[in-house]
Amino acid sequence: MTGPVRHRDELAAATAADRREYLEHGLRELDCLHCAGRVLVKKNSWAHTSIEWTADAVARCDAFSSHDGCPRLHRSIEHAIMAGQLQVPDG
């Protein structure tokens, strides 16, 4: 064991906080250049992008697929990176 024993409720709260930090920290609002639907985006690396679709974006996007997302949104994300509006972490 590497640390103090935590009470079950304390451990659950810490786990929930870690999950929120991982999933929500660093998300940035981004409007699609095609349909203007607003999503939340986080670049974890060059190969990994987290996208949280809002109800607005799903309603606006005629190319949305729950499996593949939208190719035009992916181009909007690439544009935001190149314009310096969205950062990709080093490493």
PDB file of N, CA and C in Angstrom:
ATOM      1  N   MET A   1       0.851  -1.169   0.000  1.00  0.00           N
ATOM      2  CA  MET A   1       0.000   0.000   0.000  1.00  0.00           C
ATOM      3  C   MET A   1       0.900   1.236   0.000  1.00  0.00           C
ATOM      4  N   THR A   2       0.585   2.237  -0.793  1.00  0.00           N
ATOM      5  CA  THR A   2       1.451   3.402  -0.934  1.00  0.00           C
ATOM      6  C   THR A   2       0.937   4.653  -0.246  1.00  0.00           C
ATOM      7  N   GLY A   3      -0.242   4.620   0.310  1.00  0.00           N
ATOM      8  CA  GLY A   3      -0.791   5.807   0.957  1.00  0.00           C
ATOM      9  C   GLY A   3      -1.771   5.416   2.035  1.00  0.00           C
ATOM     10  N   PRO A   4      -2.363   6.434   2.652  1.00  0.00           N
ATOM     11  CA  PRO A   4      -3.311   6.140   3.721  1.00  0.00           C
ATOM     12  C   PRO A   4      -4.576   5.469   3.174  1.00  0.00           C
ATOM     13  N   VAL A   5      -5.192   4.665   4.007  1.00  0.00           N
ATOM     14  CA  VAL A   5      -6.449   4.019   3.645  1.00  0.00           C
ATOM     15  C   VAL A   5      -7.533   5.081   3.641  1.00  0.00           C
ATOM     16  N   ARG A   6      -8.319   5.121   2.574  1.00  0.00           N
ATOM     17  CA  ARG A   6      -9.385   6.108   2.456  1.00  0.00           C
ATOM     18  C   ARG A   6     -10.741   5.459   2.687  1.00  0.00           C
ATOM     19  N   HIS A   7     -11.612   6.230   3.279  1.00  0.00           N
ATOM     20  CA  HIS A   7     -12.993   5.795   3.460  1.00  0.00           C
ATOM     21  C   HIS A   7     -13.628   5.663   2.080  1.00  0.00           C
ATOM     22  N   ARG A   8     -14.558   4.764   1.943  1.00  0.00           N
ATOM     23  CA  ARG A   8     -15.216   4.494   0.648  1.00  0.00           C
ATOM     24  C   ARG A   8     -15.795   5.758   0.004  1.00  0.00           C
ATOM     25  N   ASP A   9     -16.480   6.613   0.765  1.00  0.00           N
ATOM     26  CA  ASP A   9     -17.065   7.843   0.216  1.00  0.00           C
ATOM     27  C   ASP A   9     -15.981   8.823  -0.239  1.00  0.00           C
ATOM     28  N   GLU A  10     -14.898   8.902   0.523  1.00  0.00           N
ATOM     29  CA  GLU A  10     -13.790   9.778   0.159  1.00  0.00           C
ATOM     30  C   GLU A  10     -13.129   9.294  -1.134  1.00  0.00           C
ATOM     31  N   LEU A  11     -12.951   8.001  -1.256  1.00  0.00           N
ATOM     32  CA  LEU A  11     -12.370   7.421  -2.463  1.00  0.00           C
ATOM     33  C   LEU A  11     -13.272   7.652  -3.674  1.00  0.00           C
ATOM     34  N   ALA A  12     -14.580   7.492  -3.496  1.00  0.00           N
ATOM     35  CA  ALA A  12     -15.524   7.725  -4.594  1.00  0.00           C
ATOM     36  C   ALA A  12     -15.482   9.178  -5.037  1.00  0.00           C
ATOM     37  N   ALA A  13     -15.407  10.109  -4.086  1.00  0.00           N
ATOM     38  CA  ALA A  13     -15.345  11.536  -4.431  1.00  0.00           C
ATOM     39  C   ALA A  13     -14.051  11.855  -5.171  1.00  0.00           C
ATOM     40  N   ALA A  14     -12.947  11.281  -4.731  1.00  0.00           N
ATOM     41  CA  ALA A  14     -11.660  11.513  -5.396  1.00  0.00           C
ATOM     42  C   ALA A  14     -11.664  10.935  -6.807  1.00  0.00           C
ATOM     43  N   THR A  15     -12.252   9.761  -6.965  1.00  0.00           N
ATOM     44  CA  THR A  15     -12.348   9.142  -8.291  1.00  0.00           C
ATOM     45  C   THR A  15     -13.201   9.996  -9.230  1.00  0.00           C
ATOM     46  N   ALA A  16     -14.320  10.507  -8.728  1.00  0.00           N
ATOM     47  CA  ALA A  16     -15.182  11.375  -9.536  1.00  0.00           C
ATOM     48  C   ALA A  16     -14.447  12.655  -9.931  1.00  0.00           C
ATOM     49  N   ALA A  17     -13.690  13.223  -9.009  1.00  0.00           N
ATOM     50  CA  ALA A  17     -12.923  14.436  -9.311  1.00  0.00           C
ATOM     51  C   ALA A  17     -11.858  14.148 -10.373  1.00  0.00           C
ATOM     52  N   ASP A  18     -11.181  13.006 -10.265  1.00  0.00           N
ATOM     53  CA  ASP A  18     -10.186  12.623 -11.276  1.00  0.00           C
ATOM     54  C   ASP A  18     -10.841  12.459 -12.645  1.00  0.00           C
ATOM     55  N   ARG A  19     -12.017  11.835 -12.676  1.00  0.00           N
ATOM     56  CA  ARG A  19     -12.730  11.624 -13.934  1.00  0.00           C
ATOM     57  C   ARG A  19     -13.109  12.967 -14.572  1.00  0.00           C
ATOM     58  N   ARG A  20     -13.646  13.889 -13.752  1.00  0.00           N
ATOM     59  CA  ARG A  20     -14.003  15.217 -14.277  1.00  0.00           C
ATOM     60  C   ARG A  20     -12.775  15.936 -14.819  1.00  0.00           C
ATOM     61  N   GLU A  21     -11.676  15.873 -14.077  1.00  0.00           N
ATOM     62  CA  GLU A  21     -10.433  16.525 -14.505  1.00  0.00           C
ATOM     63  C   GLU A  21      -9.975  15.974 -15.855  1.00  0.00           C
ATOM     64  N   TYR A  22      -9.980  14.643 -15.995  1.00  0.00           N
ATOM     65  CA  TYR A  22      -9.527  14.026 -17.234  1.00  0.00           C
ATOM     66  C   TYR A  22     -10.455  14.342 -18.396  1.00  0.00           C
ATOM     67  N   LEU A  23     -11.762  14.276 -18.161  1.00  0.00           N
ATOM     68  CA  LEU A  23     -12.722  14.438 -19.250  1.00  0.00           C
ATOM     69  C   LEU A  23     -13.027  15.897 -19.594  1.00  0.00           C
ATOM     70  N   GLU A  24     -12.987  16.789 -18.604  1.00  0.00           N
ATOM     71  CA  GLU A  24     -13.443  18.156 -18.838  1.00  0.00           C
ATOM     72  C   GLU A  24     -12.326  19.193 -18.884  1.00  0.00           C
ATOM     73  N   HIS A  25     -11.231  18.956 -18.183  1.00  0.00           N
ATOM     74  CA  HIS A  25     -10.161  19.952 -18.145  1.00  0.00           C
ATOM     75  C   HIS A  25      -9.558  20.146 -19.533  1.00  0.00           C
ATOM     76  N   GLY A  26      -9.429  21.370 -19.924  1.00  0.00           N
ATOM     77  CA  GLY A  26      -8.829  21.664 -21.217  1.00  0.00           C
ATOM     78  C   GLY A  26      -9.792  21.714 -22.377  1.00  0.00           C
ATOM     79  N   LEU A  27     -11.074  21.426 -22.156  1.00  0.00           N
ATOM     80  CA  LEU A  27     -12.043  21.519 -23.247  1.00  0.00           C
ATOM     81  C   LEU A  27     -12.226  22.982 -23.639  1.00  0.00           C
ATOM     82  N   ARG A  28     -12.232  23.243 -24.932  1.00  0.00           N
ATOM     83  CA  ARG A  28     -12.410  24.594 -25.463  1.00  0.00           C
ATOM     84  C   ARG A  28     -13.608  24.599 -26.393  1.00  0.00           C
ATOM     85  N   GLU A  29     -14.362  25.681 -26.355  1.00  0.00           N
ATOM     86  CA  GLU A  29     -15.478  25.820 -27.289  1.00  0.00           C
ATOM     87  C   GLU A  29     -14.925  26.069 -28.686  1.00  0.00           C
ATOM     88  N   LEU A  30     -15.552  25.424 -29.659  1.00  0.00           N
ATOM     89  CA  LEU A  30     -15.147  25.597 -31.046  1.00  0.00           C
ATOM     90  C   LEU A  30     -16.386  25.544 -31.921  1.00  0.00           C
ATOM     91  N   ASP A  31     -16.519  26.522 -32.795  1.00  0.00           N
ATOM     92  CA  ASP A  31     -17.626  26.541 -33.746  1.00  0.00           C
ATOM     93  C   ASP A  31     -17.162  25.934 -35.064  1.00  0.00           C
ATOM     94  N   CYS A  32     -17.962  25.033 -35.616  1.00  0.00           N
ATOM     95  CA  CYS A  32     -17.665  24.451 -36.914  1.00  0.00           C
ATOM     96  C   CYS A  32     -17.696  25.563 -37.963  1.00  0.00           C
ATOM     97  N   LEU A  33     -16.714  25.577 -38.837  1.00  0.00           N
ATOM     98  CA  LEU A  33     -16.651  26.597 -39.884  1.00  0.00           C
ATOM     99  C   LEU A  33     -17.715  26.399 -40.953  1.00  0.00           C
ATOM    100  N   HIS A  34     -18.319  25.218 -40.984  1.00  0.00           N
ATOM    101  CA  HIS A  34     -19.345  24.946 -41.995  1.00  0.00           C
ATOM    102  C   HIS A  34     -20.752  25.257 -41.488  1.00  0.00           C
ATOM    103  N   CYS A  35     -21.124  24.672 -40.342  1.00  0.00           N
ATOM    104  CA  CYS A  35     -22.513  24.817 -39.880  1.00  0.00           C
ATOM    105  C   CYS A  35     -22.653  25.715 -38.653  1.00  0.00           C
ATOM    106  N   ALA A  36     -21.533  26.143 -38.075  1.00  0.00           N
ATOM    107  CA  ALA A  36     -21.495  27.001 -36.886  1.00  0.00           C
ATOM    108  C   ALA A  36     -21.983  26.281 -35.629  1.00  0.00           C
ATOM    109  N   GLY A  37     -22.106  24.955 -35.674  1.00  0.00           N
ATOM    110  CA  GLY A  37     -22.448  24.201 -34.473  1.00  0.00           C
ATOM    111  C   GLY A  37     -21.290  24.270 -33.493  1.00  0.00           C
ATOM    112  N   ARG A  38     -21.593  24.509 -32.238  1.00  0.00           N
ATOM    113  CA  ARG A  38     -20.548  24.651 -31.216  1.00  0.00           C
ATOM    114  C   ARG A  38     -20.342  23.333 -30.478  1.00  0.00           C
ATOM    115  N   VAL A  39     -19.085  22.886 -30.440  1.00  0.00           N
ATOM    116  CA  VAL A  39     -18.692  21.690 -29.710  1.00  0.00           C
ATOM    117  C   VAL A  39     -17.633  22.075 -28.683  1.00  0.00           C
ATOM    118  N   LEU A  40     -17.306  21.141 -27.823  1.00  0.00           N
ATOM    119  CA  LEU A  40     -16.195  21.306 -26.886  1.00  0.00           C
ATOM    120  C   LEU A  40     -15.097  20.359 -27.338  1.00  0.00           C
ATOM    121  N   VAL A  41     -13.873  20.882 -27.466  1.00  0.00           N
ATOM    122  CA  VAL A  41     -12.766  20.112 -28.041  1.00  0.00           C
ATOM    123  C   VAL A  41     -11.550  20.178 -27.134  1.00  0.00           C
ATOM    124  N   LYS A  42     -10.837  19.058 -27.079  1.00  0.00           N
ATOM    125  CA  LYS A  42      -9.566  18.996 -26.363  1.00  0.00           C
ATOM    126  C   LYS A  42      -8.619  18.128 -27.180  1.00  0.00           C
ATOM    127  N   LYS A  43      -7.448  18.655 -27.463  1.00  0.00           N
ATOM    128  CA  LYS A  43      -6.407  17.862 -28.111  1.00  0.00           C
ATOM    129  C   LYS A  43      -5.541  17.263 -27.019  1.00  0.00           C
ATOM    130  N   ASN A  44      -5.524  15.948 -26.928  1.00  0.00           N
ATOM    131  CA  ASN A  44      -4.682  15.260 -25.959  1.00  0.00           C
ATOM    132  C   ASN A  44      -3.307  14.963 -26.551  1.00  0.00           C
ATOM    133  N   SER A  45      -3.258  14.826 -27.869  1.00  0.00           N
ATOM    134  CA  SER A  45      -2.021  14.611 -28.619  1.00  0.00           C
ATOM    135  C   SER A  45      -2.379  14.875 -30.084  1.00  0.00           C
ATOM    136  N   TRP A  46      -1.393  14.747 -30.964  1.00  0.00           N
ATOM    137  CA  TRP A  46      -1.692  14.942 -32.387  1.00  0.00           C
ATOM    138  C   TRP A  46      -2.690  13.895 -32.874  1.00  0.00           C
ATOM    139  N   ALA A  47      -2.628  12.699 -32.305  1.00  0.00           N
ATOM    140  CA  ALA A  47      -3.488  11.612 -32.772  1.00  0.00           C
ATOM    141  C   ALA A  47      -4.801  11.497 -32.005  1.00  0.00           C
ATOM    142  N   HIS A  48      -4.920  12.138 -30.841  1.00  0.00           N
ATOM    143  CA  HIS A  48      -6.091  11.952 -29.997  1.00  0.00           C
ATOM    144  C   HIS A  48      -6.808  13.277 -29.764  1.00  0.00           C
ATOM    145  N   THR A  49      -8.059  13.321 -30.181  1.00  0.00           N
ATOM    146  CA  THR A  49      -8.904  14.495 -30.000  1.00  0.00           C
ATOM    147  C   THR A  49     -10.166  14.087 -29.257  1.00  0.00           C
ATOM    148  N   SER A  50     -10.487  14.799 -28.195  1.00  0.00           N
ATOM    149  CA  SER A  50     -11.746  14.580 -27.479  1.00  0.00           C
ATOM    150  C   SER A  50     -12.743  15.633 -27.945  1.00  0.00           C
ATOM    151  N   ILE A  51     -13.935  15.189 -28.338  1.00  0.00           N
ATOM    152  CA  ILE A  51     -14.983  16.095 -28.803  1.00  0.00           C
ATOM    153  C   ILE A  51     -16.255  15.799 -28.028  1.00  0.00           C
ATOM    154  N   GLU A  52     -16.801  16.818 -27.413  1.00  0.00           N
ATOM    155  CA  GLU A  52     -18.095  16.718 -26.744  1.00  0.00           C
ATOM    156  C   GLU A  52     -19.102  17.462 -27.620  1.00  0.00           C
ATOM    157  N   TRP A  53     -20.027  16.721 -28.177  1.00  0.00           N
ATOM    158  CA  TRP A  53     -21.045  17.317 -29.034  1.00  0.00           C
ATOM    159  C   TRP A  53     -22.151  17.922 -28.175  1.00  0.00           C
ATOM    160  N   THR A  54     -22.507  19.157 -28.461  1.00  0.00           N
ATOM    161  CA  THR A  54     -23.641  19.782 -27.795  1.00  0.00           C
ATOM    162  C   THR A  54     -24.900  19.463 -28.595  1.00  0.00           C
ATOM    163  N   ALA A  55     -26.050  19.625 -27.969  1.00  0.00           N
ATOM    164  CA  ALA A  55     -27.313  19.406 -28.684  1.00  0.00           C
ATOM    165  C   ALA A  55     -27.412  20.360 -29.874  1.00  0.00           C
ATOM    166  N   ASP A  56     -26.917  21.583 -29.712  1.00  0.00           N
ATOM    167  CA  ASP A  56     -26.922  22.564 -30.800  1.00  0.00           C
ATOM    168  C   ASP A  56     -26.134  22.054 -32.000  1.00  0.00           C
ATOM    169  N   ALA A  57     -24.946  21.526 -31.742  1.00  0.00           N
ATOM    170  CA  ALA A  57     -24.096  21.053 -32.841  1.00  0.00           C
ATOM    171  C   ALA A  57     -24.732  19.866 -33.556  1.00  0.00           C
ATOM    172  N   VAL A  58     -25.306  18.936 -32.796  1.00  0.00           N
ATOM    173  CA  VAL A  58     -25.957  17.781 -33.410  1.00  0.00           C
ATOM    174  C   VAL A  58     -27.121  18.234 -34.290  1.00  0.00           C
ATOM    175  N   ALA A  59     -27.889  19.208 -33.809  1.00  0.00           N
ATOM    176  CA  ALA A  59     -29.036  19.703 -34.584  1.00  0.00           C
ATOM    177  C   ALA A  59     -28.603  20.438 -35.850  1.00  0.00           C
ATOM    178  N   ARG A  60     -27.484  21.140 -35.800  1.00  0.00           N
ATOM    179  CA  ARG A  60     -27.019  21.928 -36.950  1.00  0.00           C
ATOM    180  C   ARG A  60     -26.292  21.099 -38.007  1.00  0.00           C
ATOM    181  N   CYS A  61     -25.646  20.033 -37.575  1.00  0.00           N
ATOM    182  CA  CYS A  61     -24.754  19.291 -38.468  1.00  0.00           C
ATOM    183  C   CYS A  61     -25.522  18.236 -39.252  1.00  0.00           C
ATOM    184  N   ASP A  62     -25.512  18.361 -40.577  1.00  0.00           N
ATOM    185  CA  ASP A  62     -26.189  17.368 -41.402  1.00  0.00           C
ATOM    186  C   ASP A  62     -25.289  16.175 -41.723  1.00  0.00           C
ATOM    187  N   ALA A  63     -24.030  16.233 -41.284  1.00  0.00           N
ATOM    188  CA  ALA A  63     -23.097  15.130 -41.541  1.00  0.00           C
ATOM    189  C   ALA A  63     -22.725  14.400 -40.260  1.00  0.00           C
ATOM    190  N   PHE A  64     -23.380  14.718 -39.133  1.00  0.00           N
ATOM    191  CA  PHE A  64     -23.042  14.092 -37.859  1.00  0.00           C
ATOM    192  C   PHE A  64     -23.331  12.597 -37.890  1.00  0.00           C
ATOM    193  N   SER A  65     -22.368  11.844 -37.397  1.00  0.00           N
ATOM    194  CA  SER A  65     -22.517  10.406 -37.208  1.00  0.00           C
ATOM    195  C   SER A  65     -21.966  10.101 -35.825  1.00  0.00           C
ATOM    196  N   SER A  66     -22.705   9.376 -35.018  1.00  0.00           N
ATOM    197  CA  SER A  66     -22.228   9.100 -33.668  1.00  0.00           C
ATOM    198  C   SER A  66     -20.939   8.283 -33.676  1.00  0.00           C
ATOM    199  N   HIS A  67     -20.658   7.607 -34.762  1.00  0.00           N
ATOM    200  CA  HIS A  67     -19.434   6.798 -34.839  1.00  0.00           C
ATOM    201  C   HIS A  67     -18.254   7.599 -35.377  1.00  0.00           C
ATOM    202  N   ASP A  68     -18.462   8.328 -36.469  1.00  0.00           N
ATOM    203  CA  ASP A  68     -17.353   9.017 -37.135  1.00  0.00           C
ATOM    204  C   ASP A  68     -17.328  10.518 -36.918  1.00  0.00           C
ATOM    205  N   GLY A  69     -18.338  11.081 -36.250  1.00  0.00           N
ATOM    206  CA  GLY A  69     -18.370  12.531 -36.102  1.00  0.00           C
ATOM    207  C   GLY A  69     -18.683  13.185 -37.428  1.00  0.00           C
ATOM    208  N   CYS A  70     -18.006  14.270 -37.729  1.00  0.00           N
ATOM    209  CA  CYS A  70     -18.244  15.017 -38.965  1.00  0.00           C
ATOM    210  C   CYS A  70     -16.905  15.402 -39.587  1.00  0.00           C
ATOM    211  N   PRO A  71     -16.685  15.064 -40.845  1.00  0.00           N
ATOM    212  CA  PRO A  71     -15.412  15.403 -41.478  1.00  0.00           C
ATOM    213  C   PRO A  71     -15.180  16.904 -41.575  1.00  0.00           C
ATOM    214  N   ARG A  72     -16.250  17.676 -41.716  1.00  0.00           N
ATOM    215  CA  ARG A  72     -16.078  19.136 -41.791  1.00  0.00           C
ATOM    216  C   ARG A  72     -15.678  19.701 -40.432  1.00  0.00           C
ATOM    217  N   LEU A  73     -16.183  19.105 -39.355  1.00  0.00           N
ATOM    218  CA  LEU A  73     -15.758  19.539 -38.023  1.00  0.00           C
ATOM    219  C   LEU A  73     -14.287  19.208 -37.822  1.00  0.00           C
ATOM    220  N   HIS A  74     -13.853  18.046 -38.274  1.00  0.00           N
ATOM    221  CA  HIS A  74     -12.439  17.682 -38.147  1.00  0.00           C
ATOM    222  C   HIS A  74     -11.553  18.697 -38.876  1.00  0.00           C
ATOM    223  N   ARG A  75     -12.004  19.170 -40.036  1.00  0.00           N
ATOM    224  CA  ARG A  75     -11.249  20.214 -40.751  1.00  0.00           C
ATOM    225  C   ARG A  75     -11.263  21.522 -39.967  1.00  0.00           C
ATOM    226  N   SER A  76     -12.366  21.822 -39.296  1.00  0.00           N
ATOM    227  CA  SER A  76     -12.441  23.034 -38.468  1.00  0.00           C
ATOM    228  C   SER A  76     -11.468  22.944 -37.298  1.00  0.00           C
ATOM    229  N   ILE A  77     -11.322  21.756 -36.726  1.00  0.00           N
ATOM    230  CA  ILE A  77     -10.370  21.555 -35.632  1.00  0.00           C
ATOM    231  C   ILE A  77      -8.949  21.748 -36.142  1.00  0.00           C
ATOM    232  N   GLU A  78      -8.627  21.176 -37.293  1.00  0.00           N
ATOM    233  CA  GLU A  78      -7.293  21.350 -37.884  1.00  0.00           C
ATOM    234  C   GLU A  78      -7.016  22.832 -38.147  1.00  0.00           C
ATOM    235  N   HIS A  79      -8.016  23.540 -38.636  1.00  0.00           N
ATOM    236  CA  HIS A  79      -7.871  24.975 -38.887  1.00  0.00           C
ATOM    237  C   HIS A  79      -7.588  25.721 -37.584  1.00  0.00           C
ATOM    238  N   ALA A  80      -8.300  25.372 -36.513  1.00  0.00           N
ATOM    239  CA  ALA A  80      -8.103  26.025 -35.218  1.00  0.00           C
ATOM    240  C   ALA A  80      -6.694  25.774 -34.679  1.00  0.00           C
ATOM    241  N   ILE A  81      -6.162  24.586 -34.916  1.00  0.00           N
ATOM    242  CA  ILE A  81      -4.789  24.287 -34.492  1.00  0.00           C
ATOM    243  C   ILE A  81      -3.813  25.153 -35.267  1.00  0.00           C
ATOM    244  N   MET A  82      -3.972  25.191 -36.581  1.00  0.00           N
ATOM    245  CA  MET A  82      -3.060  25.964 -37.422  1.00  0.00           C
ATOM    246  C   MET A  82      -3.135  27.469 -37.126  1.00  0.00           C
ATOM    247  N   ALA A  83      -4.321  27.940 -36.720  1.00  0.00           N
ATOM    248  CA  ALA A  83      -4.493  29.357 -36.395  1.00  0.00           C
ATOM    249  C   ALA A  83      -4.077  29.682 -34.962  1.00  0.00           C
ATOM    250  N   GLY A  84      -3.671  28.672 -34.204  1.00  0.00           N
ATOM    251  CA  GLY A  84      -3.242  28.890 -32.837  1.00  0.00           C
ATOM    252  C   GLY A  84      -4.378  29.038 -31.834  1.00  0.00           C
ATOM    253  N   GLN A  85      -5.590  28.696 -32.252  1.00  0.00           N
ATOM    254  CA  GLN A  85      -6.755  28.804 -31.378  1.00  0.00           C
ATOM    255  C   GLN A  85      -6.936  27.576 -30.498  1.00  0.00           C
ATOM    256  N   LEU A  86      -6.295  26.491 -30.869  1.00  0.00           N
ATOM    257  CA  LEU A  86      -6.381  25.236 -30.134  1.00  0.00           C
ATOM    258  C   LEU A  86      -4.972  24.670 -30.036  1.00  0.00           C
ATOM    259  N   GLN A  87      -4.572  24.286 -28.833  1.00  0.00           N
ATOM    260  CA  GLN A  87      -3.215  23.811 -28.604  1.00  0.00           C
ATOM    261  C   GLN A  87      -3.156  22.293 -28.552  1.00  0.00           C
ATOM    262  N   VAL A  88      -2.035  21.761 -29.042  1.00  0.00           N
ATOM    263  CA  VAL A  88      -1.750  20.330 -28.925  1.00  0.00           C
ATOM    264  C   VAL A  88      -0.605  20.210 -27.923  1.00  0.00           C
ATOM    265  N   PRO A  89      -0.796  19.434 -26.841  1.00  0.00           N
ATOM    266  CA  PRO A  89       0.263  19.316 -25.833  1.00  0.00           C
ATOM    267  C   PRO A  89       1.563  18.755 -26.416  1.00  0.00           C
ATOM    268  N   ASP A  90       2.670  19.189 -25.878  1.00  0.00           N
ATOM    269  CA  ASP A  90       3.976  18.647 -26.285  1.00  0.00           C
ATOM    270  C   ASP A  90       4.094  17.214 -25.812  1.00  0.00           C
ATOM    271  N   GLY A  91       4.866  16.446 -26.562  1.00  0.00           N
ATOM    272  CA  GLY A  91       5.119  15.062 -26.135  1.00  0.00           C
ATOM    273  C   GLY A  91       4.348  14.164 -26.944  1.00  0.00           C
TER     274      GLY A  91
END
